[in-house]
Amino acid sequence: MKLTEKLKEYEGQFMFIRWATGGEYGKLKYVGSDFVEFEIVDIDNMEFSETMFIQAGLILEASIGGCDIARIIAEFSSKISE
């Protein structure tokens, strides 16, 4: 199974993605056969700061769980209720 096939299951969720030249926390918007659309979350103010289109072959790591991601989801959710 290719990484893009697995990531397709997690569209719309927050995660950490590391690619060849960087890594950020954000929300996975779209997974295509050759690229991934990823909205980066600014950790300081919990707002979307930019959208990245990452070539699928450059993705080295994708983390969908853990305490950091749980904290981001909790802080982002608390801003929505305001």
PDB file of N, CA and C in Angstrom:
ATOM      1  N   MET A   1       0.850  -1.180   0.000  1.00  0.00           N
ATOM      2  CA  MET A   1       0.000   0.000   0.000  1.00  0.00           C
ATOM      3  C   MET A   1       0.894   1.240   0.000  1.00  0.00           C
ATOM      4  N   LYS A   2       0.554   2.198  -0.837  1.00  0.00           N
ATOM      5  CA  LYS A   2       1.313   3.441  -0.909  1.00  0.00           C
ATOM      6  C   LYS A   2       0.892   4.386   0.210  1.00  0.00           C
ATOM      7  N   LEU A   3       1.779   5.298   0.568  1.00  0.00           N
ATOM      8  CA  LEU A   3       1.498   6.274   1.616  1.00  0.00           C
ATOM      9  C   LEU A   3       0.285   7.125   1.261  1.00  0.00           C
ATOM     10  N   THR A   4       0.159   7.531   0.012  1.00  0.00           N
ATOM     11  CA  THR A   4      -0.985   8.367  -0.382  1.00  0.00           C
ATOM     12  C   THR A   4      -2.308   7.623  -0.222  1.00  0.00           C
ATOM     13  N   GLU A   5      -2.316   6.328  -0.465  1.00  0.00           N
ATOM     14  CA  GLU A   5      -3.532   5.543  -0.268  1.00  0.00           C
ATOM     15  C   GLU A   5      -3.937   5.521   1.202  1.00  0.00           C
ATOM     16  N   LYS A   6      -2.971   5.396   2.071  1.00  0.00           N
ATOM     17  CA  LYS A   6      -3.253   5.388   3.510  1.00  0.00           C
ATOM     18  C   LYS A   6      -3.667   6.779   3.994  1.00  0.00           C
ATOM     19  N   LEU A   7      -2.988   7.822   3.516  1.00  0.00           N
ATOM     20  CA  LEU A   7      -3.334   9.185   3.923  1.00  0.00           C
ATOM     21  C   LEU A   7      -4.733   9.583   3.477  1.00  0.00           C
ATOM     22  N   LYS A   8      -5.213   9.001   2.392  1.00  0.00           N
ATOM     23  CA  LYS A   8      -6.556   9.293   1.891  1.00  0.00           C
ATOM     24  C   LYS A   8      -7.609   9.022   2.971  1.00  0.00           C
ATOM     25  N   GLU A   9      -7.356   8.048   3.842  1.00  0.00           N
ATOM     26  CA  GLU A   9      -8.268   7.703   4.931  1.00  0.00           C
ATOM     27  C   GLU A   9      -8.343   8.802   5.990  1.00  0.00           C
ATOM     28  N   TYR A  10      -7.346   9.680   6.035  1.00  0.00           N
ATOM     29  CA  TYR A  10      -7.250  10.692   7.082  1.00  0.00           C
ATOM     30  C   TYR A  10      -7.512  12.113   6.584  1.00  0.00           C
ATOM     31  N   GLU A  11      -8.114  12.261   5.411  1.00  0.00           N
ATOM     32  CA  GLU A  11      -8.460  13.592   4.916  1.00  0.00           C
ATOM     33  C   GLU A  11      -9.385  14.293   5.909  1.00  0.00           C
ATOM     34  N   GLY A  12      -9.117  15.577   6.125  1.00  0.00           N
ATOM     35  CA  GLY A  12      -9.941  16.370   7.039  1.00  0.00           C
ATOM     36  C   GLY A  12      -9.513  16.298   8.492  1.00  0.00           C
ATOM     37  N   GLN A  13      -8.438  15.595   8.801  1.00  0.00           N
ATOM     38  CA  GLN A  13      -7.982  15.459  10.178  1.00  0.00           C
ATOM     39  C   GLN A  13      -6.685  16.231  10.405  1.00  0.00           C
ATOM     40  N   PHE A  14      -6.460  16.578  11.678  1.00  0.00           N
ATOM     41  CA  PHE A  14      -5.223  17.244  12.065  1.00  0.00           C
ATOM     42  C   PHE A  14      -4.123  16.206  12.196  1.00  0.00           C
ATOM     43  N   MET A  15      -2.911  16.611  11.814  1.00  0.00           N
ATOM     44  CA  MET A  15      -1.775  15.713  11.895  1.00  0.00           C
ATOM     45  C   MET A  15      -0.480  16.501  11.774  1.00  0.00           C
ATOM     46  N   PHE A  16       0.615  15.796  11.951  1.00  0.00           N
ATOM     47  CA  PHE A  16       1.948  16.353  11.716  1.00  0.00           C
ATOM     48  C   PHE A  16       2.508  15.664  10.487  1.00  0.00           C
ATOM     49  N   ILE A  17       2.965  16.441   9.535  1.00  0.00           N
ATOM     50  CA  ILE A  17       3.603  15.881   8.340  1.00  0.00           C
ATOM     51  C   ILE A  17       5.007  16.454   8.221  1.00  0.00           C
ATOM     52  N   ARG A  18       5.970  15.539   8.024  1.00  0.00           N
ATOM     53  CA  ARG A  18       7.355  15.935   7.754  1.00  0.00           C
ATOM     54  C   ARG A  18       7.657  15.578   6.306  1.00  0.00           C
ATOM     55  N   TRP A  19       8.178  16.552   5.565  1.00  0.00           N
ATOM     56  CA  TRP A  19       8.561  16.312   4.184  1.00  0.00           C
ATOM     57  C   TRP A  19      10.016  16.671   4.024  1.00  0.00           C
ATOM     58  N   ALA A  20      10.538  16.575   2.827  1.00  0.00           N
ATOM     59  CA  ALA A  20      11.974  16.699   2.576  1.00  0.00           C
ATOM     60  C   ALA A  20      12.575  17.995   3.096  1.00  0.00           C
ATOM     61  N   THR A  21      11.844  19.099   3.072  1.00  0.00           N
ATOM     62  CA  THR A  21      12.433  20.385   3.463  1.00  0.00           C
ATOM     63  C   THR A  21      11.810  20.986   4.718  1.00  0.00           C
ATOM     64  N   GLY A  22      10.946  20.278   5.403  1.00  0.00           N
ATOM     65  CA  GLY A  22      10.326  20.836   6.608  1.00  0.00           C
ATOM     66  C   GLY A  22       9.316  19.897   7.214  1.00  0.00           C
ATOM     67  N   GLY A  23       8.594  20.412   8.184  1.00  0.00           N
ATOM     68  CA  GLY A  23       7.557  19.643   8.842  1.00  0.00           C
ATOM     69  C   GLY A  23       6.673  20.582   9.642  1.00  0.00           C
ATOM     70  N   GLU A  24       5.372  20.355   9.633  1.00  0.00           N
ATOM     71  CA  GLU A  24       4.435  21.249  10.295  1.00  0.00           C
ATOM     72  C   GLU A  24       3.221  20.480  10.793  1.00  0.00           C
ATOM     73  N   TYR A  25       2.519  21.100  11.749  1.00  0.00           N
ATOM     74  CA  TYR A  25       1.216  20.614  12.179  1.00  0.00           C
ATOM     75  C   TYR A  25       0.164  21.286  11.315  1.00  0.00           C
ATOM     76  N   GLY A  26      -0.898  20.550  11.018  1.00  0.00           N
ATOM     77  CA  GLY A  26      -1.956  21.140  10.220  1.00  0.00           C
ATOM     78  C   GLY A  26      -3.084  20.175   9.959  1.00  0.00           C
ATOM     79  N   LYS A  27      -3.904  20.544   8.995  1.00  0.00           N
ATOM     80  CA  LYS A  27      -5.069  19.759   8.626  1.00  0.00           C
ATOM     81  C   LYS A  27      -4.902  19.269   7.193  1.00  0.00           C
ATOM     82  N   LEU A  28      -5.055  17.980   7.011  1.00  0.00           N
ATOM     83  CA  LEU A  28      -4.937  17.373   5.695  1.00  0.00           C
ATOM     84  C   LEU A  28      -6.232  17.625   4.930  1.00  0.00           C
ATOM     85  N   LYS A  29      -6.154  18.418   3.871  1.00  0.00           N
ATOM     86  CA  LYS A  29      -7.353  18.795   3.117  1.00  0.00           C
ATOM     87  C   LYS A  29      -7.651  17.839   1.967  1.00  0.00           C
ATOM     88  N   TYR A  30      -6.637  17.454   1.214  1.00  0.00           N
ATOM     89  CA  TYR A  30      -6.860  16.639   0.026  1.00  0.00           C
ATOM     90  C   TYR A  30      -5.627  15.783  -0.236  1.00  0.00           C
ATOM     91  N   VAL A  31      -5.861  14.546  -0.660  1.00  0.00           N
ATOM     92  CA  VAL A  31      -4.774  13.652  -1.041  1.00  0.00           C
ATOM     93  C   VAL A  31      -5.023  13.187  -2.466  1.00  0.00           C
ATOM     94  N   GLY A  32      -4.115  13.542  -3.347  1.00  0.00           N
ATOM     95  CA  GLY A  32      -4.196  13.110  -4.739  1.00  0.00           C
ATOM     96  C   GLY A  32      -3.125  12.072  -5.030  1.00  0.00           C
ATOM     97  N   SER A  33      -3.059  11.630  -6.249  1.00  0.00           N
ATOM     98  CA  SER A  33      -2.064  10.618  -6.600  1.00  0.00           C
ATOM     99  C   SER A  33      -0.650  11.184  -6.651  1.00  0.00           C
ATOM    100  N   ASP A  34      -0.526  12.500  -6.899  1.00  0.00           N
ATOM    101  CA  ASP A  34       0.809  13.076  -7.021  1.00  0.00           C
ATOM    102  C   ASP A  34       1.097  14.212  -6.040  1.00  0.00           C
ATOM    103  N   PHE A  35       0.083  14.720  -5.314  1.00  0.00           N
ATOM    104  CA  PHE A  35       0.331  15.770  -4.342  1.00  0.00           C
ATOM    105  C   PHE A  35      -0.661  15.680  -3.190  1.00  0.00           C
ATOM    106  N   VAL A  36      -0.315  16.389  -2.107  1.00  0.00           N
ATOM    107  CA  VAL A  36      -1.144  16.470  -0.910  1.00  0.00           C
ATOM    108  C   VAL A  36      -1.379  17.947  -0.612  1.00  0.00           C
ATOM    109  N   GLU A  37      -2.631  18.320  -0.332  1.00  0.00           N
ATOM    110  CA  GLU A  37      -2.952  19.684   0.080  1.00  0.00           C
ATOM    111  C   GLU A  37      -3.043  19.690   1.601  1.00  0.00           C
ATOM    112  N   PHE A  38      -2.266  20.564   2.235  1.00  0.00           N
ATOM    113  CA  PHE A  38      -2.099  20.558   3.684  1.00  0.00           C
ATOM    114  C   PHE A  38      -2.186  21.986   4.200  1.00  0.00           C
ATOM    115  N   GLU A  39      -3.166  22.268   5.082  1.00  0.00           N
ATOM    116  CA  GLU A  39      -3.304  23.604   5.677  1.00  0.00           C
ATOM    117  C   GLU A  39      -2.518  23.638   6.980  1.00  0.00           C
ATOM    118  N   ILE A  40      -1.544  24.507   7.049  1.00  0.00           N
ATOM    119  CA  ILE A  40      -0.672  24.611   8.222  1.00  0.00           C
ATOM    120  C   ILE A  40      -1.334  25.463   9.293  1.00  0.00           C
ATOM    121  N   VAL A  41      -1.259  24.990  10.538  1.00  0.00           N
ATOM    122  CA  VAL A  41      -1.814  25.699  11.688  1.00  0.00           C
ATOM    123  C   VAL A  41      -0.683  26.421  12.413  1.00  0.00           C
ATOM    124  N   ASP A  42      -0.860  27.722  12.640  1.00  0.00           N
ATOM    125  CA  ASP A  42       0.092  28.488  13.443  1.00  0.00           C
ATOM    126  C   ASP A  42      -0.151  28.118  14.905  1.00  0.00           C
ATOM    127  N   ILE A  43       0.814  27.502  15.543  1.00  0.00           N
ATOM    128  CA  ILE A  43       0.657  26.987  16.901  1.00  0.00           C
ATOM    129  C   ILE A  43       0.410  28.107  17.910  1.00  0.00           C
ATOM    130  N   ASP A  44       0.931  29.294  17.683  1.00  0.00           N
ATOM    131  CA  ASP A  44       0.800  30.388  18.640  1.00  0.00           C
ATOM    132  C   ASP A  44      -0.625  30.918  18.746  1.00  0.00           C
ATOM    133  N   ASN A  45      -1.299  31.106  17.611  1.00  0.00           N
ATOM    134  CA  ASN A  45      -2.649  31.674  17.668  1.00  0.00           C
ATOM    135  C   ASN A  45      -3.736  30.720  17.187  1.00  0.00           C
ATOM    136  N   MET A  46      -3.377  29.487  16.869  1.00  0.00           N
ATOM    137  CA  MET A  46      -4.304  28.438  16.447  1.00  0.00           C
ATOM    138  C   MET A  46      -5.176  28.859  15.268  1.00  0.00           C
ATOM    139  N   GLU A  47      -4.573  29.470  14.288  1.00  0.00           N
ATOM    140  CA  GLU A  47      -5.252  29.839  13.052  1.00  0.00           C
ATOM    141  C   GLU A  47      -4.486  29.236  11.885  1.00  0.00           C
ATOM    142  N   PHE A  48      -5.200  28.982  10.800  1.00  0.00           N
ATOM    143  CA  PHE A  48      -4.532  28.467   9.606  1.00  0.00           C
ATOM    144  C   PHE A  48      -3.683  29.577   9.002  1.00  0.00           C
ATOM    145  N   SER A  49      -2.410  29.304   8.817  1.00  0.00           N
ATOM    146  CA  SER A  49      -1.498  30.343   8.339  1.00  0.00           C
ATOM    147  C   SER A  49      -1.215  30.254   6.849  1.00  0.00           C
ATOM    148  N   GLU A  50      -1.194  29.051   6.287  1.00  0.00           N
ATOM    149  CA  GLU A  50      -0.920  28.900   4.868  1.00  0.00           C
ATOM    150  C   GLU A  50      -1.344  27.518   4.404  1.00  0.00           C
ATOM    151  N   THR A  51      -1.448  27.368   3.093  1.00  0.00           N
ATOM    152  CA  THR A  51      -1.771  26.075   2.489  1.00  0.00           C
ATOM    153  C   THR A  51      -0.577  25.616   1.674  1.00  0.00           C
ATOM    154  N   MET A  52      -0.184  24.374   1.899  1.00  0.00           N
ATOM    155  CA  MET A  52       0.959  23.802   1.174  1.00  0.00           C
ATOM    156  C   MET A  52       0.459  22.723   0.230  1.00  0.00           C
ATOM    157  N   PHE A  53       1.047  22.667  -0.948  1.00  0.00           N
ATOM    158  CA  PHE A  53       0.844  21.565  -1.870  1.00  0.00           C
ATOM    159  C   PHE A  53       2.169  20.809  -1.905  1.00  0.00           C
ATOM    160  N   ILE A  54       2.174  19.621  -1.345  1.00  0.00           N
ATOM    161  CA  ILE A  54       3.411  18.856  -1.178  1.00  0.00           C
ATOM    162  C   ILE A  54       3.397  17.683  -2.144  1.00  0.00           C
ATOM    163  N   GLN A  55       4.465  17.528  -2.897  1.00  0.00           N
ATOM    164  CA  GLN A  55       4.573  16.377  -3.784  1.00  0.00           C
ATOM    165  C   GLN A  55       4.602  15.119  -2.920  1.00  0.00           C
ATOM    166  N   ALA A  56       3.777  14.154  -3.258  1.00  0.00           N
ATOM    167  CA  ALA A  56       3.605  12.965  -2.424  1.00  0.00           C
ATOM    168  C   ALA A  56       4.916  12.210  -2.186  1.00  0.00           C
ATOM    169  N   GLY A  57       5.797  12.197  -3.156  1.00  0.00           N
ATOM    170  CA  GLY A  57       7.065  11.485  -3.009  1.00  0.00           C
ATOM    171  C   GLY A  57       8.017  12.115  -2.012  1.00  0.00           C
ATOM    172  N   LEU A  58       7.769  13.368  -1.615  1.00  0.00           N
ATOM    173  CA  LEU A  58       8.652  14.058  -0.673  1.00  0.00           C
ATOM    174  C   LEU A  58       8.243  13.861   0.788  1.00  0.00           C
ATOM    175  N   ILE A  59       7.074  13.282   1.031  1.00  0.00           N
ATOM    176  CA  ILE A  59       6.608  13.086   2.407  1.00  0.00           C
ATOM    177  C   ILE A  59       7.394  11.963   3.056  1.00  0.00           C
ATOM    178  N   LEU A  60       7.999  12.276   4.205  1.00  0.00           N
ATOM    179  CA  LEU A  60       8.820  11.309   4.923  1.00  0.00           C
ATOM    180  C   LEU A  60       8.091  10.692   6.109  1.00  0.00           C
ATOM    181  N   GLU A  61       7.182  11.460   6.723  1.00  0.00           N
ATOM    182  CA  GLU A  61       6.540  11.006   7.955  1.00  0.00           C
ATOM    183  C   GLU A  61       5.185  11.687   8.088  1.00  0.00           C
ATOM    184  N   ALA A  62       4.223  10.948   8.615  1.00  0.00           N
ATOM    185  CA  ALA A  62       2.914  11.517   8.927  1.00  0.00           C
ATOM    186  C   ALA A  62       2.486  10.955  10.274  1.00  0.00           C
ATOM    187  N   SER A  63       2.220  11.838  11.230  1.00  0.00           N
ATOM    188  CA  SER A  63       1.810  11.435  12.562  1.00  0.00           C
ATOM    189  C   SER A  63       0.376  11.891  12.785  1.00  0.00           C
ATOM    190  N   ILE A  64      -0.504  10.948  13.098  1.00  0.00           N
ATOM    191  CA  ILE A  64      -1.921  11.280  13.237  1.00  0.00           C
ATOM    192  C   ILE A  64      -2.389  11.245  14.687  1.00  0.00           C
ATOM    193  N   GLY A  65      -1.517  10.892  15.603  1.00  0.00           N
ATOM    194  CA  GLY A  65      -1.895  10.824  17.013  1.00  0.00           C
ATOM    195  C   GLY A  65      -0.774  11.316  17.897  1.00  0.00           C
ATOM    196  N   GLY A  66      -1.024  11.310  19.182  1.00  0.00           N
ATOM    197  CA  GLY A  66      -0.027  11.739  20.144  1.00  0.00           C
ATOM    198  C   GLY A  66      -0.501  12.941  20.933  1.00  0.00           C
ATOM    199  N   CYS A  67       0.246  13.271  21.974  1.00  0.00           N
ATOM    200  CA  CYS A  67      -0.167  14.347  22.870  1.00  0.00           C
ATOM    201  C   CYS A  67      -0.137  15.716  22.201  1.00  0.00           C
ATOM    202  N   ASP A  68       0.818  15.973  21.316  1.00  0.00           N
ATOM    203  CA  ASP A  68       0.876  17.269  20.638  1.00  0.00           C
ATOM    204  C   ASP A  68      -0.344  17.489  19.747  1.00  0.00           C
ATOM    205  N   ILE A  69      -0.718  16.474  19.019  1.00  0.00           N
ATOM    206  CA  ILE A  69      -1.869  16.607  18.129  1.00  0.00           C
ATOM    207  C   ILE A  69      -3.152  16.715  18.932  1.00  0.00           C
ATOM    208  N   ALA A  70      -3.265  15.983  20.025  1.00  0.00           N
ATOM    209  CA  ALA A  70      -4.442  16.090  20.888  1.00  0.00           C
ATOM    210  C   ALA A  70      -4.569  17.501  21.459  1.00  0.00           C
ATOM    211  N   ARG A  71      -3.444  18.113  21.830  1.00  0.00           N
ATOM    212  CA  ARG A  71      -3.461  19.480  22.354  1.00  0.00           C
ATOM    213  C   ARG A  71      -3.915  20.469  21.279  1.00  0.00           C
ATOM    214  N   ILE A  72      -3.423  20.293  20.075  1.00  0.00           N
ATOM    215  CA  ILE A  72      -3.808  21.185  18.983  1.00  0.00           C
ATOM    216  C   ILE A  72      -5.298  21.061  18.689  1.00  0.00           C
ATOM    217  N   ILE A  73      -5.805  19.839  18.662  1.00  0.00           N
ATOM    218  CA  ILE A  73      -7.239  19.638  18.409  1.00  0.00           C
ATOM    219  C   ILE A  73      -8.061  20.283  19.519  1.00  0.00           C
ATOM    220  N   ALA A  74      -7.644  20.116  20.774  1.00  0.00           N
ATOM    221  CA  ALA A  74      -8.382  20.699  21.895  1.00  0.00           C
ATOM    222  C   ALA A  74      -8.372  22.220  21.832  1.00  0.00           C
ATOM    223  N   GLU A  75      -7.222  22.827  21.576  1.00  0.00           N
ATOM    224  CA  GLU A  75      -7.127  24.293  21.499  1.00  0.00           C
ATOM    225  C   GLU A  75      -7.889  24.827  20.293  1.00  0.00           C
ATOM    226  N   PHE A  76      -7.803  24.139  19.172  1.00  0.00           N
ATOM    227  CA  PHE A  76      -8.521  24.587  17.984  1.00  0.00           C
ATOM    228  C   PHE A  76     -10.033  24.472  18.205  1.00  0.00           C
ATOM    229  N   SER A  77     -10.478  23.419  18.839  1.00  0.00           N
ATOM    230  CA  SER A  77     -11.904  23.220  19.121  1.00  0.00           C
ATOM    231  C   SER A  77     -12.425  24.269  20.086  1.00  0.00           C
ATOM    232  N   SER A  78     -11.628  24.673  21.050  1.00  0.00           N
ATOM    233  CA  SER A  78     -12.079  25.685  21.998  1.00  0.00           C
ATOM    234  C   SER A  78     -12.237  27.054  21.323  1.00  0.00           C
ATOM    235  N   LYS A  79     -11.459  27.324  20.291  1.00  0.00           N
ATOM    236  CA  LYS A  79     -11.602  28.581  19.546  1.00  0.00           C
ATOM    237  C   LYS A  79     -12.874  28.579  18.693  1.00  0.00           C
ATOM    238  N   ILE A  80     -13.288  27.418  18.227  1.00  0.00           N
ATOM    239  CA  ILE A  80     -14.489  27.318  17.403  1.00  0.00           C
ATOM    240  C   ILE A  80     -15.725  27.673  18.216  1.00  0.00           C
ATOM    241  N   SER A  81     -15.748  27.284  19.490  1.00  0.00           N
ATOM    242  CA  SER A  81     -16.937  27.533  20.332  1.00  0.00           C
ATOM    243  C   SER A  81     -17.084  28.991  20.730  1.00  0.00           C
ATOM    244  N   GLU A  82     -16.062  29.797  20.551  1.00  0.00           N
ATOM    245  CA  GLU A  82     -16.143  31.217  20.890  1.00  0.00           C
ATOM    246  C   GLU A  82     -16.960  31.888  19.917  1.00  0.00           C
TER     247      GLU A  82
END
